[in-house]
């Protein structure tokens, strides 16, 4: 039972860390992200509010084969990041910004 508790705490702390990394970009200009990550693979304008959805897609080869890592950030009409998500990405692949 103790091992299960320890594993659960480690898993949840990993999830919280990934969430904190995504949130570290919130409020930052998209230009800061592209300076760090490079140009996105796709930009989809949101005609409703003037913002856009930016997607970076990377194929990652690992012990269990190839998987797709998608990092998605959404900006408002001023180019400021308002939210983000990811799928299939290892922890270190969602790079935090350096601002404190």
PDB file of N, CA and C in Angstrom:
ATOM      1  N   UNK A   1       0.820  -1.191   0.000  1.00  0.00           N
ATOM      2  CA  UNK A   1       0.000   0.000   0.000  1.00  0.00           C
ATOM      3  C   UNK A   1       0.867   1.259   0.000  1.00  0.00           C
ATOM      4  N   UNK A   2       1.940   1.207   0.752  1.00  0.00           N
ATOM      5  CA  UNK A   2       2.832   2.364   0.831  1.00  0.00           C
ATOM      6  C   UNK A   2       3.470   2.652  -0.529  1.00  0.00           C
ATOM      7  N   UNK A   3       3.847   1.593  -1.246  1.00  0.00           N
ATOM      8  CA  UNK A   3       4.432   1.749  -2.572  1.00  0.00           C
ATOM      9  C   UNK A   3       3.433   2.403  -3.525  1.00  0.00           C
ATOM     10  N   UNK A   4       2.188   2.000  -3.455  1.00  0.00           N
ATOM     11  CA  UNK A   4       1.145   2.592  -4.300  1.00  0.00           C
ATOM     12  C   UNK A   4       1.007   4.081  -4.000  1.00  0.00           C
ATOM     13  N   UNK A   5       1.041   4.445  -2.743  1.00  0.00           N
ATOM     14  CA  UNK A   5       0.934   5.852  -2.347  1.00  0.00           C
ATOM     15  C   UNK A   5       2.113   6.650  -2.886  1.00  0.00           C
ATOM     16  N   UNK A   6       3.307   6.119  -2.764  1.00  0.00           N
ATOM     17  CA  UNK A   6       4.501   6.803  -3.264  1.00  0.00           C
ATOM     18  C   UNK A   6       4.410   6.977  -4.785  1.00  0.00           C
ATOM     19  N   UNK A   7       4.016   5.927  -5.488  1.00  0.00           N
ATOM     20  CA  UNK A   7       3.894   6.015  -6.946  1.00  0.00           C
ATOM     21  C   UNK A   7       2.826   7.027  -7.356  1.00  0.00           C
ATOM     22  N   UNK A   8       1.728   7.061  -6.639  1.00  0.00           N
ATOM     23  CA  UNK A   8       0.661   8.017  -6.939  1.00  0.00           C
ATOM     24  C   UNK A   8       1.148   9.450  -6.734  1.00  0.00           C
ATOM     25  N   UNK A   9       1.873   9.692  -5.657  1.00  0.00           N
ATOM     26  CA  UNK A   9       2.410  11.033  -5.395  1.00  0.00           C
ATOM     27  C   UNK A   9       3.390  11.430  -6.493  1.00  0.00           C
ATOM     28  N   UNK A  10       4.263  10.526  -6.917  1.00  0.00           N
ATOM     29  CA  UNK A  10       5.216  10.827  -7.984  1.00  0.00           C
ATOM     30  C   UNK A  10       4.498  11.130  -9.295  1.00  0.00           C
ATOM     31  N   UNK A  11       3.480  10.338  -9.608  1.00  0.00           N
ATOM     32  CA  UNK A  11       2.707  10.564 -10.835  1.00  0.00           C
ATOM     33  C   UNK A  11       2.026  11.920 -10.809  1.00  0.00           C
ATOM     34  N   UNK A  12       1.375  12.237  -9.703  1.00  0.00           N
ATOM     35  CA  UNK A  12       0.664  13.508  -9.602  1.00  0.00           C
ATOM     36  C   UNK A  12       1.619  14.691  -9.617  1.00  0.00           C
ATOM     37  N   UNK A  13       2.780  14.554  -9.011  1.00  0.00           N
ATOM     38  CA  UNK A  13       3.738  15.655  -9.037  1.00  0.00           C
ATOM     39  C   UNK A  13       4.268  15.864 -10.447  1.00  0.00           C
ATOM     40  N   UNK A  14       4.408  14.792 -11.217  1.00  0.00           N
ATOM     41  CA  UNK A  14       4.803  14.921 -12.620  1.00  0.00           C
ATOM     42  C   UNK A  14       3.750  15.644 -13.420  1.00  0.00           C
ATOM     43  N   UNK A  15       2.487  15.336 -13.189  1.00  0.00           N
ATOM     44  CA  UNK A  15       1.394  16.021 -13.883  1.00  0.00           C
ATOM     45  C   UNK A  15       1.368  17.495 -13.510  1.00  0.00           C
ATOM     46  N   UNK A  16       1.553  17.789 -12.238  1.00  0.00           N
ATOM     47  CA  UNK A  16       1.544  19.179 -11.803  1.00  0.00           C
ATOM     48  C   UNK A  16       2.724  19.933 -12.409  1.00  0.00           C
ATOM     49  N   UNK A  17       3.881  19.271 -12.509  1.00  0.00           N
ATOM     50  CA  UNK A  17       5.038  19.925 -13.092  1.00  0.00           C
ATOM     51  C   UNK A  17       4.793  20.261 -14.552  1.00  0.00           C
ATOM     52  N   UNK A  18       4.200  19.344 -15.319  1.00  0.00           N
ATOM     53  CA  UNK A  18       3.888  19.598 -16.720  1.00  0.00           C
ATOM     54  C   UNK A  18       2.893  20.746 -16.824  1.00  0.00           C
ATOM     55  N   UNK A  19       1.906  20.757 -15.944  1.00  0.00           N
ATOM     56  CA  UNK A  19       0.923  21.843 -15.948  1.00  0.00           C
ATOM     57  C   UNK A  19       1.612  23.180 -15.655  1.00  0.00           C
ATOM     58  N   UNK A  20       2.531  23.188 -14.712  1.00  0.00           N
ATOM     59  CA  UNK A  20       3.255  24.417 -14.393  1.00  0.00           C
ATOM     60  C   UNK A  20       4.103  24.889 -15.564  1.00  0.00           C
ATOM     61  N   UNK A  21       4.709  23.951 -16.297  1.00  0.00           N
ATOM     62  CA  UNK A  21       5.491  24.331 -17.464  1.00  0.00           C
ATOM     63  C   UNK A  21       4.608  24.985 -18.516  1.00  0.00           C
ATOM     64  N   UNK A  22       3.439  24.398 -18.785  1.00  0.00           N
ATOM     65  CA  UNK A  22       2.521  24.996 -19.758  1.00  0.00           C
ATOM     66  C   UNK A  22       2.080  26.367 -19.285  1.00  0.00           C
ATOM     67  N   UNK A  23       1.731  26.475 -18.030  1.00  0.00           N
ATOM     68  CA  UNK A  23       1.254  27.746 -17.497  1.00  0.00           C
ATOM     69  C   UNK A  23       2.352  28.804 -17.464  1.00  0.00           C
ATOM     70  N   UNK A  24       3.620  28.381 -17.479  1.00  0.00           N
ATOM     71  CA  UNK A  24       4.699  29.361 -17.438  1.00  0.00           C
ATOM     72  C   UNK A  24       4.713  30.240 -18.686  1.00  0.00           C
ATOM     73  N   UNK A  25       4.103  29.783 -19.761  1.00  0.00           N
ATOM     74  CA  UNK A  25       4.030  30.592 -20.977  1.00  0.00           C
ATOM     75  C   UNK A  25       2.815  31.514 -20.977  1.00  0.00           C
ATOM     76  N   UNK A  26       1.832  31.262 -20.148  1.00  0.00           N
ATOM     77  CA  UNK A  26       0.633  32.094 -20.137  1.00  0.00           C
ATOM     78  C   UNK A  26       0.995  33.541 -19.796  1.00  0.00           C
ATOM     79  N   UNK A  27       0.430  34.468 -20.573  1.00  0.00           N
ATOM     80  CA  UNK A  27       0.704  35.877 -20.368  1.00  0.00           C
ATOM     81  C   UNK A  27       1.911  36.379 -21.141  1.00  0.00           C
ATOM     82  N   UNK A  28       2.632  35.483 -21.795  1.00  0.00           N
ATOM     83  CA  UNK A  28       3.814  35.846 -22.579  1.00  0.00           C
ATOM     84  C   UNK A  28       3.436  36.030 -24.051  1.00  0.00           C
ATOM     85  N   UNK A  29       4.149  36.883 -24.783  1.00  0.00           N
ATOM     86  CA  UNK A  29       3.908  37.029 -26.225  1.00  0.00           C
ATOM     87  C   UNK A  29       4.316  35.767 -26.985  1.00  0.00           C
ATOM     88  N   UNK A  30       3.580  35.456 -28.035  1.00  0.00           N
ATOM     89  CA  UNK A  30       3.899  34.280 -28.854  1.00  0.00           C
ATOM     90  C   UNK A  30       5.311  34.395 -29.426  1.00  0.00           C
ATOM     91  N   UNK A  31       5.794  35.608 -29.656  1.00  0.00           N
ATOM     92  CA  UNK A  31       7.150  35.800 -30.180  1.00  0.00           C
ATOM     93  C   UNK A  31       8.214  35.219 -29.245  1.00  0.00           C
ATOM     94  N   UNK A  32       7.969  35.268 -27.937  1.00  0.00           N
ATOM     95  CA  UNK A  32       8.911  34.677 -26.982  1.00  0.00           C
ATOM     96  C   UNK A  32       8.962  33.158 -27.134  1.00  0.00           C
ATOM     97  N   UNK A  33       7.803  32.557 -27.407  1.00  0.00           N
ATOM     98  CA  UNK A  33       7.745  31.099 -27.576  1.00  0.00           C
ATOM     99  C   UNK A  33       8.470  30.706 -28.857  1.00  0.00           C
ATOM    100  N   UNK A  34       8.172  31.396 -29.953  1.00  0.00           N
ATOM    101  CA  UNK A  34       8.814  31.033 -31.219  1.00  0.00           C
ATOM    102  C   UNK A  34      10.322  31.270 -31.166  1.00  0.00           C
ATOM    103  N   UNK A  35      10.771  32.224 -30.376  1.00  0.00           N
ATOM    104  CA  UNK A  35      12.209  32.425 -30.197  1.00  0.00           C
ATOM    105  C   UNK A  35      12.839  31.222 -29.492  1.00  0.00           C
ATOM    106  N   UNK A  36      12.074  30.575 -28.609  1.00  0.00           N
ATOM    107  CA  UNK A  36      12.569  29.417 -27.868  1.00  0.00           C
ATOM    108  C   UNK A  36      12.361  28.108 -28.618  1.00  0.00           C
ATOM    109  N   UNK A  37      11.171  27.911 -29.194  1.00  0.00           N
ATOM    110  CA  UNK A  37      10.808  26.639 -29.824  1.00  0.00           C
ATOM    111  C   UNK A  37      10.986  26.621 -31.332  1.00  0.00           C
ATOM    112  N   UNK A  38      11.147  27.782 -31.957  1.00  0.00           N
ATOM    113  CA  UNK A  38      11.177  27.846 -33.410  1.00  0.00           C
ATOM    114  C   UNK A  38       9.763  28.062 -33.940  1.00  0.00           C
ATOM    115  N   UNK A  39       9.659  28.136 -35.247  1.00  0.00           N
ATOM    116  CA  UNK A  39       8.357  28.387 -35.877  1.00  0.00           C
ATOM    117  C   UNK A  39       7.427  27.202 -35.654  1.00  0.00           C
ATOM    118  N   UNK A  40       6.145  27.447 -35.419  1.00  0.00           N
ATOM    119  CA  UNK A  40       5.188  26.351 -35.253  1.00  0.00           C
ATOM    120  C   UNK A  40       4.944  25.642 -36.584  1.00  0.00           C
ATOM    121  N   UNK A  41       4.483  24.413 -36.497  1.00  0.00           N
ATOM    122  CA  UNK A  41       4.153  23.648 -37.698  1.00  0.00           C
ATOM    123  C   UNK A  41       2.841  24.123 -38.315  1.00  0.00           C
ATOM    124  N   UNK A  42       1.959  24.653 -37.477  1.00  0.00           N
ATOM    125  CA  UNK A  42       0.715  25.205 -38.017  1.00  0.00           C
ATOM    126  C   UNK A  42       0.234  26.354 -37.140  1.00  0.00           C
ATOM    127  N   UNK A  43      -0.436  27.295 -37.808  1.00  0.00           N
ATOM    128  CA  UNK A  43      -1.079  28.417 -37.131  1.00  0.00           C
ATOM    129  C   UNK A  43      -2.490  28.498 -37.687  1.00  0.00           C
ATOM    130  N   UNK A  44      -3.461  28.364 -36.794  1.00  0.00           N
ATOM    131  CA  UNK A  44      -4.860  28.431 -37.210  1.00  0.00           C
ATOM    132  C   UNK A  44      -5.483  29.667 -36.581  1.00  0.00           C
ATOM    133  N   UNK A  45      -5.851  30.651 -37.416  1.00  0.00           N
ATOM    134  CA  UNK A  45      -6.465  31.865 -36.870  1.00  0.00           C
ATOM    135  C   UNK A  45      -7.841  31.567 -36.276  1.00  0.00           C
ATOM    136  N   UNK A  46      -8.159  32.265 -35.207  1.00  0.00           N
ATOM    137  CA  UNK A  46      -9.484  32.174 -34.609  1.00  0.00           C
ATOM    138  C   UNK A  46     -10.226  33.451 -35.009  1.00  0.00           C
ATOM    139  N   UNK A  47     -11.098  33.313 -35.980  1.00  0.00           N
ATOM    140  CA  UNK A  47     -11.802  34.485 -36.513  1.00  0.00           C
ATOM    141  C   UNK A  47     -12.804  35.056 -35.525  1.00  0.00           C
ATOM    142  N   UNK A  48     -13.161  34.284 -34.510  1.00  0.00           N
ATOM    143  CA  UNK A  48     -14.124  34.758 -33.514  1.00  0.00           C
ATOM    144  C   UNK A  48     -13.531  35.845 -32.622  1.00  0.00           C
ATOM    145  N   UNK A  49     -12.307  35.599 -32.118  1.00  0.00           N
ATOM    146  CA  UNK A  49     -11.716  36.574 -31.178  1.00  0.00           C
ATOM    147  C   UNK A  49     -10.415  37.198 -31.670  1.00  0.00           C
ATOM    148  N   UNK A  50      -9.960  36.832 -32.865  1.00  0.00           N
ATOM    149  CA  UNK A  50      -8.751  37.435 -33.412  1.00  0.00           C
ATOM    150  C   UNK A  50      -7.457  36.791 -32.975  1.00  0.00           C
ATOM    151  N   UNK A  51      -7.526  35.793 -32.117  1.00  0.00           N
ATOM    152  CA  UNK A  51      -6.327  35.083 -31.673  1.00  0.00           C
ATOM    153  C   UNK A  51      -5.947  33.995 -32.661  1.00  0.00           C
ATOM    154  N   UNK A  52      -5.134  33.063 -32.216  1.00  0.00           N
ATOM    155  CA  UNK A  52      -4.710  31.957 -33.070  1.00  0.00           C
ATOM    156  C   UNK A  52      -4.296  30.776 -32.207  1.00  0.00           C
ATOM    157  N   UNK A  53      -4.297  29.589 -32.834  1.00  0.00           N
ATOM    158  CA  UNK A  53      -3.821  28.365 -32.200  1.00  0.00           C
ATOM    159  C   UNK A  53      -2.538  27.947 -32.912  1.00  0.00           C
ATOM    160  N   UNK A  54      -1.483  27.772 -32.144  1.00  0.00           N
ATOM    161  CA  UNK A  54      -0.162  27.422 -32.669  1.00  0.00           C
ATOM    162  C   UNK A  54       0.148  25.991 -32.260  1.00  0.00           C
ATOM    163  N   UNK A  55       0.613  25.178 -33.225  1.00  0.00           N
ATOM    164  CA  UNK A  55       0.906  23.778 -32.941  1.00  0.00           C
ATOM    165  C   UNK A  55       2.308  23.424 -33.403  1.00  0.00           C
ATOM    166  N   UNK A  56       3.068  22.798 -32.512  1.00  0.00           N
ATOM    167  CA  UNK A  56       4.373  22.241 -32.812  1.00  0.00           C
ATOM    168  C   UNK A  56       4.240  20.729 -32.715  1.00  0.00           C
ATOM    169  N   UNK A  57       4.637  20.016 -33.761  1.00  0.00           N
ATOM    170  CA  UNK A  57       4.523  18.558 -33.786  1.00  0.00           C
ATOM    171  C   UNK A  57       5.905  17.957 -33.990  1.00  0.00           C
ATOM    172  N   UNK A  58       6.245  16.988 -33.148  1.00  0.00           N
ATOM    173  CA  UNK A  58       7.549  16.335 -33.211  1.00  0.00           C
ATOM    174  C   UNK A  58       7.356  14.834 -33.099  1.00  0.00           C
ATOM    175  N   UNK A  59       8.067  14.078 -33.929  1.00  0.00           N
ATOM    176  CA  UNK A  59       8.089  12.620 -33.793  1.00  0.00           C
ATOM    177  C   UNK A  59       9.226  12.261 -32.859  1.00  0.00           C
ATOM    178  N   UNK A  60       8.919  11.451 -31.859  1.00  0.00           N
ATOM    179  CA  UNK A  60       9.911  11.052 -30.864  1.00  0.00           C
ATOM    180  C   UNK A  60      10.099   9.548 -30.954  1.00  0.00           C
ATOM    181  N   UNK A  61      11.343   9.132 -31.147  1.00  0.00           N
ATOM    182  CA  UNK A  61      11.660   7.710 -31.202  1.00  0.00           C
ATOM    183  C   UNK A  61      12.181   7.290 -29.839  1.00  0.00           C
ATOM    184  N   UNK A  62      11.605   6.229 -29.308  1.00  0.00           N
ATOM    185  CA  UNK A  62      12.021   5.768 -27.993  1.00  0.00           C
ATOM    186  C   UNK A  62      12.019   4.263 -27.905  1.00  0.00           C
ATOM    187  N   UNK A  63      12.133   3.809 -26.715  1.00  0.00           N
ATOM    188  CA  UNK A  63      12.187   2.378 -26.413  1.00  0.00           C
ATOM    189  C   UNK A  63      10.961   1.628 -26.926  1.00  0.00           C
ATOM    190  N   UNK A  64       9.809   2.304 -26.964  1.00  0.00           N
ATOM    191  CA  UNK A  64       8.559   1.652 -27.349  1.00  0.00           C
ATOM    192  C   UNK A  64       8.101   2.048 -28.749  1.00  0.00           C
ATOM    193  N   UNK A  65       9.007   2.565 -29.569  1.00  0.00           N
ATOM    194  CA  UNK A  65       8.670   2.937 -30.931  1.00  0.00           C
ATOM    195  C   UNK A  65       8.576   4.440 -31.103  1.00  0.00           C
ATOM    196  N   UNK A  66       7.866   4.844 -32.142  1.00  0.00           N
ATOM    197  CA  UNK A  66       7.736   6.257 -32.477  1.00  0.00           C
ATOM    198  C   UNK A  66       6.397   6.773 -31.966  1.00  0.00           C
ATOM    199  N   UNK A  67       6.419   7.960 -31.398  1.00  0.00           N
ATOM    200  CA  UNK A  67       5.175   8.592 -30.978  1.00  0.00           C
ATOM    201  C   UNK A  67       5.198  10.050 -31.398  1.00  0.00           C
ATOM    202  N   UNK A  68       4.024  10.648 -31.432  1.00  0.00           N
ATOM    203  CA  UNK A  68       3.891  12.041 -31.835  1.00  0.00           C
ATOM    204  C   UNK A  68       3.687  12.911 -30.612  1.00  0.00           C
ATOM    205  N   UNK A  69       4.495  13.938 -30.513  1.00  0.00           N
ATOM    206  CA  UNK A  69       4.375  14.928 -29.438  1.00  0.00           C
ATOM    207  C   UNK A  69       3.787  16.184 -30.063  1.00  0.00           C
ATOM    208  N   UNK A  70       2.644  16.635 -29.542  1.00  0.00           N
ATOM    209  CA  UNK A  70       2.027  17.875 -30.001  1.00  0.00           C
ATOM    210  C   UNK A  70       1.986  18.860 -28.854  1.00  0.00           C
ATOM    211  N   UNK A  71       2.531  20.052 -29.091  1.00  0.00           N
ATOM    212  CA  UNK A  71       2.472  21.145 -28.129  1.00  0.00           C
ATOM    213  C   UNK A  71       1.597  22.223 -28.760  1.00  0.00           C
ATOM    214  N   UNK A  72       0.561  22.637 -28.050  1.00  0.00           N
ATOM    215  CA  UNK A  72      -0.409  23.583 -28.586  1.00  0.00           C
ATOM    216  C   UNK A  72      -0.527  24.774 -27.639  1.00  0.00           C
ATOM    217  N   UNK A  73      -0.417  25.975 -28.205  1.00  0.00           N
ATOM    218  CA  UNK A  73      -0.616  27.197 -27.436  1.00  0.00           C
ATOM    219  C   UNK A  73      -1.645  28.057 -28.163  1.00  0.00           C
ATOM    220  N   UNK A  74      -2.479  28.737 -27.389  1.00  0.00           N
ATOM    221  CA  UNK A  74      -3.531  29.592 -27.930  1.00  0.00           C
ATOM    222  C   UNK A  74      -3.253  31.021 -27.489  1.00  0.00           C
ATOM    223  N   UNK A  75      -3.317  31.943 -28.449  1.00  0.00           N
ATOM    224  CA  UNK A  75      -3.092  33.359 -28.135  1.00  0.00           C
ATOM    225  C   UNK A  75      -4.381  34.144 -28.290  1.00  0.00           C
ATOM    226  N   UNK A  76      -4.385  35.335 -27.693  1.00  0.00           N
ATOM    227  CA  UNK A  76      -5.500  36.259 -27.898  1.00  0.00           C
ATOM    228  C   UNK A  76      -5.163  37.154 -29.095  1.00  0.00           C
ATOM    229  N   UNK A  77      -5.994  38.140 -29.358  1.00  0.00           N
ATOM    230  CA  UNK A  77      -5.796  39.005 -30.526  1.00  0.00           C
ATOM    231  C   UNK A  77      -4.527  39.852 -30.434  1.00  0.00           C
ATOM    232  N   UNK A  78      -3.974  40.000 -29.244  1.00  0.00           N
ATOM    233  CA  UNK A  78      -2.731  40.763 -29.056  1.00  0.00           C
ATOM    234  C   UNK A  78      -1.491  39.886 -29.158  1.00  0.00           C
ATOM    235  N   UNK A  79      -1.675  38.581 -29.425  1.00  0.00           N
ATOM    236  CA  UNK A  79      -0.538  37.673 -29.517  1.00  0.00           C
ATOM    237  C   UNK A  79      -0.009  37.212 -28.177  1.00  0.00           C
ATOM    238  N   UNK A  80      -0.827  37.333 -27.136  1.00  0.00           N
ATOM    239  CA  UNK A  80      -0.447  36.895 -25.788  1.00  0.00           C
ATOM    240  C   UNK A  80      -1.018  35.493 -25.546  1.00  0.00           C
ATOM    241  N   UNK A  81      -0.191  34.598 -25.014  1.00  0.00           N
ATOM    242  CA  UNK A  81      -0.628  33.223 -24.747  1.00  0.00           C
ATOM    243  C   UNK A  81      -1.658  33.218 -23.623  1.00  0.00           C
ATOM    244  N   UNK A  82      -2.801  32.560 -23.884  1.00  0.00           N
ATOM    245  CA  UNK A  82      -3.851  32.478 -22.873  1.00  0.00           C
ATOM    246  C   UNK A  82      -4.042  31.060 -22.340  1.00  0.00           C
ATOM    247  N   UNK A  83      -3.611  30.045 -23.105  1.00  0.00           N
ATOM    248  CA  UNK A  83      -3.672  28.670 -22.592  1.00  0.00           C
ATOM    249  C   UNK A  83      -2.828  27.764 -23.465  1.00  0.00           C
ATOM    250  N   UNK A  84      -2.575  26.576 -22.964  1.00  0.00           N
ATOM    251  CA  UNK A  84      -1.776  25.606 -23.697  1.00  0.00           C
ATOM    252  C   UNK A  84      -2.135  24.192 -23.339  1.00  0.00           C
ATOM    253  N   UNK A  85      -1.750  23.262 -24.192  1.00  0.00           N
ATOM    254  CA  UNK A  85      -1.963  21.843 -23.921  1.00  0.00           C
ATOM    255  C   UNK A  85      -0.893  21.051 -24.663  1.00  0.00           C
ATOM    256  N   UNK A  86      -0.817  19.794 -24.365  1.00  0.00           N
ATOM    257  CA  UNK A  86       0.113  18.911 -25.055  1.00  0.00           C
ATOM    258  C   UNK A  86      -0.429  17.495 -25.049  1.00  0.00           C
ATOM    259  N   UNK A  87       0.080  16.688 -25.975  1.00  0.00           N
ATOM    260  CA  UNK A  87      -0.264  15.273 -25.966  1.00  0.00           C
ATOM    261  C   UNK A  87       0.926  14.479 -26.476  1.00  0.00           C
ATOM    262  N   UNK A  88       1.205  13.387 -25.796  1.00  0.00           N
ATOM    263  CA  UNK A  88       2.269  12.488 -26.204  1.00  0.00           C
ATOM    264  C   UNK A  88       3.678  12.992 -25.966  1.00  0.00           C
ATOM    265  N   UNK A  89       3.824  14.061 -25.208  1.00  0.00           N
ATOM    266  CA  UNK A  89       5.147  14.655 -25.005  1.00  0.00           C
ATOM    267  C   UNK A  89       5.752  14.209 -23.682  1.00  0.00           C
ATOM    268  N   UNK A  90       7.032  13.853 -23.704  1.00  0.00           N
ATOM    269  CA  UNK A  90       7.701  13.621 -22.427  1.00  0.00           C
ATOM    270  C   UNK A  90       7.850  14.939 -21.681  1.00  0.00           C
ATOM    271  N   UNK A  91       8.020  14.854 -20.398  1.00  0.00           N
ATOM    272  CA  UNK A  91       8.104  16.030 -19.525  1.00  0.00           C
ATOM    273  C   UNK A  91       9.062  17.088 -20.054  1.00  0.00           C
ATOM    274  N   UNK A  92      10.281  16.678 -20.430  1.00  0.00           N
ATOM    275  CA  UNK A  92      11.312  17.640 -20.807  1.00  0.00           C
ATOM    276  C   UNK A  92      11.035  18.299 -22.154  1.00  0.00           C
ATOM    277  N   UNK A  93      10.063  17.804 -22.921  1.00  0.00           N
ATOM    278  CA  UNK A  93       9.815  18.340 -24.246  1.00  0.00           C
ATOM    279  C   UNK A  93       8.949  19.585 -24.236  1.00  0.00           C
ATOM    280  N   UNK A  94       8.295  19.856 -23.130  1.00  0.00           N
ATOM    281  CA  UNK A  94       7.472  21.069 -23.048  1.00  0.00           C
ATOM    282  C   UNK A  94       8.302  22.096 -22.307  1.00  0.00           C
ATOM    283  N   UNK A  95       9.148  22.783 -23.040  1.00  0.00           N
ATOM    284  CA  UNK A  95      10.171  23.653 -22.489  1.00  0.00           C
ATOM    285  C   UNK A  95       9.540  24.847 -21.779  1.00  0.00           C
ATOM    286  N   UNK A  96      10.006  25.086 -20.573  1.00  0.00           N
ATOM    287  CA  UNK A  96       9.540  26.237 -19.798  1.00  0.00           C
ATOM    288  C   UNK A  96      10.212  27.500 -20.307  1.00  0.00           C
ATOM    289  N   UNK A  97       9.560  28.629 -20.105  1.00  0.00           N
ATOM    290  CA  UNK A  97      10.246  29.872 -20.431  1.00  0.00           C
ATOM    291  C   UNK A  97      11.171  30.212 -19.261  1.00  0.00           C
ATOM    292  N   UNK A  98      12.115  31.072 -19.502  1.00  0.00           N
ATOM    293  CA  UNK A  98      13.127  31.377 -18.499  1.00  0.00           C
ATOM    294  C   UNK A  98      12.743  32.509 -17.581  1.00  0.00           C
ATOM    295  N   UNK A  99      11.636  33.196 -17.844  1.00  0.00           N
ATOM    296  CA  UNK A  99      11.242  34.327 -16.981  1.00  0.00           C
ATOM    297  C   UNK A  99      10.716  33.817 -15.646  1.00  0.00           C
ATOM    298  N   UNK A 100      11.041  34.517 -14.620  1.00  0.00           N
ATOM    299  CA  UNK A 100      10.550  34.157 -13.280  1.00  0.00           C
ATOM    300  C   UNK A 100       9.524  35.151 -12.847  1.00  0.00           C
TER     301      UNK A 100
END
